[in-house]
Amino acid sequence: MPYMLISTQIRMEVGPTFVGDGDSDPQLMELLQAKPSKQLGNEFKVKTTTLVKIAAGGFLAGSTGLYLAQKVVQRRVRSLPHYGESLRIVAEHDEAKQALGPPIMVGTVDLADRRHNYVGKNKSMLRIPVTGSLTCGHLDVMALRSDEKDEFTTSKVRLFLQDNSVIIYDNGQWDDSSSEYKTDE
């Protein structure tokens, strides 16, 4: 079984990657599309190739993996019971529909915003971007559950628009004063 040793030099400029030397396996060098060259100061021929194909493949695989991972998490968020319930509440709330303007479209939850988007043991908060034909904003959806095995139930839904905010649902269980932006104690 042939082995390949890859070594690097610390270089400040962009350039080719050096693979093999004058005694390397010709079939492997042909597979890597390496061409022999002699570098200044080296007393032997070095076969070189660019990293364009390898880097492009690595970038494509990595970015595809990240994209798919984010899609999986977004799908999980959208499957939470209080996510769907909050959208039904907005769809049935006349003031929210008039303020946004039909049709109301829903954006993706910003997963990096841990202050407004979290799912804890007994508390959850989601900030859902919404856009209508008149204006845009976001919904803050707060939900509670009594036990980790139970499903979350929506406690409060607040619609934030550019110029005002409206509470469109509140069952009185969410405590704004002490724990709105905290995960579980």
Protein backbone atom coordinates (compact mmCIF):
# COMPACT_ATOMS: atom_id res chain seq x y z
CA MET A 1 0.00 0.00 0.00
CA PRO A 2 1.53 3.33 -0.99
CA TYR A 3 1.76 6.07 1.61
CA MET A 4 1.84 9.79 1.05
CA LEU A 5 3.69 12.19 3.35
CA ILE A 6 2.58 15.81 3.21
CA SER A 7 4.83 18.43 4.74
CA THR A 8 4.52 22.17 4.69
CA GLN A 9 6.82 25.10 4.98
CA ILE A 10 5.76 28.31 6.64
CA ARG A 11 5.21 30.66 3.74
CA MET A 12 3.84 34.15 3.61
CA GLU A 13 2.85 34.15 -0.04
CA VAL A 14 0.17 32.20 -1.85
CA GLY A 15 1.55 29.53 -4.08
CA PRO A 16 1.72 25.89 -4.99
CA THR A 17 1.76 23.00 -2.56
CA PHE A 18 4.80 20.79 -2.80
CA VAL A 19 4.24 17.07 -2.96
CA GLY A 20 6.77 14.31 -3.29
CA ASP A 21 10.31 14.57 -4.54
CA GLY A 22 12.39 13.16 -7.38
CA ASP A 23 11.96 9.58 -6.07
CA SER A 24 8.15 9.67 -5.61
CA ASP A 25 5.82 7.13 -7.21
CA PRO A 26 5.12 8.36 -10.78
CA GLN A 27 1.53 7.00 -10.76
CA LEU A 28 0.69 8.87 -7.55
CA MET A 29 2.22 12.08 -8.88
CA GLU A 30 0.22 11.72 -12.09
CA LEU A 31 -2.97 11.14 -10.05
CA LEU A 32 -2.27 14.37 -8.13
CA GLN A 33 -1.49 16.15 -11.40
CA ALA A 34 1.90 17.14 -9.97
CA LYS A 35 4.57 18.53 -12.25
CA PRO A 36 8.29 18.40 -11.45
CA SER A 37 10.03 21.68 -10.68
CA LYS A 38 13.20 22.75 -8.98
CA GLN A 39 13.00 25.35 -6.22
CA LEU A 40 15.81 27.74 -5.61
CA GLY A 41 18.05 26.42 -2.85
CA ASN A 42 16.82 22.83 -3.18
CA GLU A 43 19.20 20.31 -4.59
CA PHE A 44 16.46 17.98 -5.80
CA LYS A 45 13.42 18.16 -8.00
CA VAL A 46 10.11 18.69 -6.23
CA LYS A 47 6.75 17.88 -7.81
CA THR A 48 4.16 20.63 -7.27
CA THR A 49 0.39 20.93 -7.55
CA THR A 50 -2.07 23.56 -6.51
CA LEU A 51 -4.59 23.06 -3.76
CA VAL A 52 -7.42 24.44 -5.84
CA LYS A 53 -9.20 21.13 -6.36
CA ILE A 54 -8.57 19.89 -2.83
CA ALA A 55 -9.52 23.21 -1.23
CA ALA A 56 -12.63 23.55 -3.38
CA GLY A 57 -13.72 20.04 -2.47
CA GLY A 58 -13.07 20.64 1.23
CA PHE A 59 -14.88 23.97 1.16
CA LEU A 60 -17.84 22.48 -0.69
CA ALA A 61 -18.11 19.54 1.70
CA GLY A 62 -17.71 21.74 4.78
CA SER A 63 -20.15 24.43 3.73
CA THR A 64 -22.70 21.84 2.63
CA GLY A 65 -22.38 20.14 6.01
CA LEU A 66 -22.92 23.42 7.86
CA TYR A 67 -25.89 24.32 5.66
CA LEU A 68 -27.54 20.95 6.25
CA ALA A 69 -26.87 21.09 10.01
CA GLN A 70 -28.55 24.50 10.20
CA LYS A 71 -31.52 23.22 8.20
CA VAL A 72 -31.93 20.30 10.62
CA VAL A 73 -31.93 22.65 13.62
CA GLN A 74 -34.38 25.05 11.89
CA ARG A 75 -36.67 22.08 11.21
CA ARG A 76 -36.50 21.12 14.89
CA VAL A 77 -37.35 24.68 15.95
CA ARG A 78 -40.31 24.78 13.56
CA SER A 79 -41.58 21.49 14.96
CA LEU A 80 -41.76 22.86 18.52
CA PRO A 81 -45.41 23.05 19.62
CA HIS A 82 -45.23 26.70 20.73
CA TYR A 83 -43.73 27.74 17.39
CA GLY A 84 -46.76 26.47 15.47
CA GLU A 85 -49.21 27.64 18.11
CA SER A 86 -47.81 31.19 18.02
CA LEU A 87 -48.25 31.37 14.25
CA ARG A 88 -51.85 30.22 14.59
CA ILE A 89 -52.42 32.91 17.24
CA VAL A 90 -51.03 35.59 14.90
CA ALA A 91 -53.12 34.33 12.00
CA GLU A 92 -56.27 34.68 14.10
CA HIS A 93 -55.38 38.07 15.65
CA ASP A 94 -57.06 40.87 13.66
CA GLU A 95 -54.85 43.69 14.98
CA ALA A 96 -51.66 41.80 14.10
CA LYS A 97 -52.94 40.98 10.62
CA GLN A 98 -53.91 44.62 10.00
CA ALA A 99 -50.59 45.96 11.32
CA LEU A 100 -48.42 43.60 9.24
CA GLY A 101 -50.63 43.39 6.18
CA PRO A 102 -51.45 40.15 4.40
CA PRO A 103 -49.85 37.89 3.41
CA ILE A 104 -47.74 37.31 6.52
CA MET A 105 -44.46 35.53 5.81
CA VAL A 106 -42.24 33.89 8.43
CA GLY A 107 -38.43 34.04 8.42
CA THR A 108 -35.89 31.74 10.01
CA VAL A 109 -34.99 31.94 13.67
CA ASP A 110 -31.52 33.39 14.30
CA LEU A 111 -29.84 30.44 16.01
CA ALA A 112 -26.86 32.56 17.08
CA ASP A 113 -29.07 34.88 19.17
CA ARG A 114 -28.99 32.91 22.41
CA ARG A 115 -30.53 35.75 24.39
CA HIS A 116 -33.82 35.59 22.50
CA ASN A 117 -33.78 32.02 21.18
CA TYR A 118 -33.38 29.22 23.67
CA VAL A 119 -35.03 26.05 24.86
CA GLY A 120 -34.33 25.27 28.51
CA LYS A 121 -35.64 22.64 30.87
CA ASN A 122 -38.88 24.44 31.66
CA LYS A 123 -38.69 27.70 29.69
CA SER A 124 -38.36 28.53 26.05
CA MET A 125 -38.23 31.72 24.10
CA LEU A 126 -38.19 32.16 20.34
CA ARG A 127 -37.77 35.33 18.29
CA ILE A 128 -39.46 34.68 14.94
CA PRO A 129 -39.04 37.23 12.12
CA VAL A 130 -42.32 38.11 10.37
CA THR A 131 -43.00 40.22 7.31
CA GLY A 132 -46.24 41.48 5.86
CA SER A 133 -47.15 43.68 2.91
CA LEU A 134 -47.17 46.81 5.12
CA THR A 135 -44.31 46.33 7.58
CA CYS A 136 -42.06 43.78 9.23
CA GLY A 137 -40.99 42.87 12.73
CA HIS A 138 -40.66 39.83 14.92
CA LEU A 139 -42.65 37.73 17.32
CA ASP A 140 -41.30 36.97 20.77
CA VAL A 141 -42.82 33.66 21.78
CA MET A 142 -42.49 32.64 25.43
CA ALA A 143 -43.43 29.15 26.55
CA LEU A 144 -43.37 27.13 29.77
CA ARG A 145 -43.72 23.54 30.81
CA SER A 146 -43.95 21.99 34.25
CA ASP A 147 -41.72 18.99 33.54
CA GLU A 148 -39.07 18.12 30.95
CA LYS A 149 -41.27 15.28 29.69
CA ASP A 150 -44.18 17.62 28.98
CA GLU A 151 -44.59 19.70 25.85
CA PHE A 152 -44.17 23.46 25.99
CA THR A 153 -47.33 25.55 26.06
CA THR A 154 -47.36 29.10 24.80
CA SER A 155 -47.52 31.61 27.64
CA LYS A 156 -47.06 34.92 25.82
CA VAL A 157 -46.72 36.17 22.25
CA ARG A 158 -45.53 39.71 21.67
CA LEU A 159 -45.39 41.31 18.22
CA PHE A 160 -42.63 43.88 17.77
CA LEU A 161 -42.99 46.23 14.82
CA GLN A 162 -40.81 49.13 13.74
CA ASP A 163 -42.77 51.71 15.72
CA ASN A 164 -44.54 49.76 18.48
CA SER A 165 -45.11 46.41 20.16
CA VAL A 166 -48.34 44.59 20.88
CA ILE A 167 -49.00 41.67 23.21
CA ILE A 168 -51.31 39.48 21.20
CA TYR A 169 -51.52 36.56 23.63
CA ASP A 170 -50.85 36.27 27.37
CA ASN A 171 -52.08 33.59 29.73
CA GLY A 172 -50.46 35.34 32.72
CA GLN A 173 -47.91 32.63 33.51
CA TRP A 174 -44.79 34.28 32.02
CA ASP A 175 -43.00 36.61 34.47
CA ASP A 176 -41.53 39.52 32.46
CA SER A 177 -39.91 41.24 35.43
CA SER A 178 -37.45 38.58 36.53
CA SER A 179 -36.85 35.89 33.98
CA GLU A 180 -37.72 36.93 30.44
CA TYR A 181 -34.20 36.61 29.06
CA LYS A 182 -32.81 33.90 31.30
CA THR A 183 -32.67 30.21 30.68
CA ASP A 184 -33.55 27.94 33.59
CA GLU A 185 -32.22 28.56 37.05
